[in-house]
């Protein structure tokens, strides 16, 4: 991890923000918030990561777009259970 990325993470942690994780794909750095939840079926903890945004050396943190999924029934008589985004 590059020095400027480590410095950014240390600054966030010193502010009290927890669960920040950096993933690198190619030359880009992406910021995620990682938490755990209890999986009842497997009877163990699982990791859940939520995308927060992208890190850029010049512009700093760039927030990601929030994706909203709208679920609605196809009709009253027939519900398919599919969600449209």
Protein backbone atom coordinates (compact mmCIF):
# COMPACT_ATOMS: atom_id res chain seq x y z
CA UNK A 1 0.00 0.00 0.00
CA UNK A 2 1.32 3.43 -0.86
CA UNK A 3 2.27 5.92 1.86
CA UNK A 4 -0.50 8.44 1.06
CA UNK A 5 -3.14 5.70 1.34
CA UNK A 6 -1.79 4.56 4.71
CA UNK A 7 -1.77 8.17 5.93
CA UNK A 8 -5.43 8.59 4.86
CA UNK A 9 -6.48 5.43 6.72
CA UNK A 10 -4.55 6.46 9.86
CA UNK A 11 -6.23 9.88 9.81
CA UNK A 12 -9.71 8.28 9.62
CA UNK A 13 -8.91 5.86 12.44
CA UNK A 14 -7.61 8.69 14.62
CA UNK A 15 -10.98 10.42 14.11
CA UNK A 16 -12.64 7.32 15.56
CA UNK A 17 -13.94 5.73 12.36
CA UNK A 18 -13.80 1.94 12.52
CA UNK A 19 -14.00 -0.90 10.03
CA UNK A 20 -12.35 0.94 7.13
CA UNK A 21 -10.78 -1.37 4.57
CA UNK A 22 -8.84 -0.45 1.42
CA UNK A 23 -8.88 -2.72 -1.64
CA UNK A 24 -6.64 -2.15 -4.64
CA UNK A 25 -7.74 -3.07 -8.15
CA UNK A 26 -5.18 -2.13 -10.78
CA UNK A 27 -3.90 1.35 -9.92
CA UNK A 28 -7.06 2.42 -8.09
CA UNK A 29 -7.85 2.24 -4.38
CA UNK A 30 -11.41 1.63 -3.18
CA UNK A 31 -12.74 2.23 0.34
CA UNK A 32 -15.08 -0.24 2.05
CA UNK A 33 -16.61 -0.49 5.51
CA UNK A 34 -16.31 -4.04 6.77
CA UNK A 35 -18.51 -5.51 9.47
CA UNK A 36 -19.54 -8.99 10.53
CA UNK A 37 -22.93 -10.58 10.98
CA UNK A 38 -24.14 -13.91 12.33
CA UNK A 39 -25.15 -16.43 9.68
CA UNK A 40 -27.84 -18.58 11.30
CA UNK A 41 -27.69 -21.35 8.71
CA UNK A 42 -23.91 -21.81 8.77
CA UNK A 43 -23.77 -20.94 12.49
CA UNK A 44 -20.75 -18.70 12.15
CA UNK A 45 -19.78 -15.10 11.55
CA UNK A 46 -19.63 -13.76 7.98
CA UNK A 47 -17.97 -10.65 6.60
CA UNK A 48 -20.07 -7.93 4.99
CA UNK A 49 -18.36 -5.12 3.06
CA UNK A 50 -20.12 -1.94 1.99
CA UNK A 51 -18.63 0.21 -0.76
CA UNK A 52 -18.04 3.80 0.36
CA UNK A 53 -16.04 5.35 -2.48
CA UNK A 54 -12.71 5.70 -4.21
CA UNK A 55 -9.36 7.18 -3.11
CA UNK A 56 -7.49 9.46 -5.48
CA UNK A 57 -4.03 10.85 -4.79
CA UNK A 58 -4.93 14.34 -6.04
CA UNK A 59 -8.62 14.65 -5.08
CA UNK A 60 -8.64 12.50 -1.94
CA UNK A 61 -11.79 10.56 -1.07
CA UNK A 62 -14.49 10.48 -3.76
CA UNK A 63 -17.82 9.21 -2.37
CA UNK A 64 -19.50 6.45 -4.36
CA UNK A 65 -23.01 6.62 -5.69
CA UNK A 66 -25.57 4.93 -3.50
CA UNK A 67 -27.52 2.27 -5.32
CA UNK A 68 -31.20 2.04 -4.54
CA UNK A 69 -33.09 -1.10 -5.42
CA UNK A 70 -36.84 -0.79 -5.81
CA UNK A 71 -38.87 -3.94 -5.24
CA UNK A 72 -42.45 -4.04 -6.29
CA UNK A 73 -44.83 -6.85 -7.11
CA UNK A 74 -45.58 -7.59 -10.77
CA UNK A 75 -49.27 -7.59 -9.97
CA UNK A 76 -51.53 -8.25 -7.04
CA UNK A 77 -52.40 -11.72 -8.28
CA UNK A 78 -48.86 -12.80 -9.08
CA UNK A 79 -45.76 -11.86 -7.13
CA UNK A 80 -42.51 -12.93 -8.77
CA UNK A 81 -40.20 -11.79 -5.96
CA UNK A 82 -37.86 -10.11 -8.43
CA UNK A 83 -36.46 -6.66 -7.80
CA UNK A 84 -35.88 -4.03 -10.41
CA UNK A 85 -32.94 -1.66 -10.06
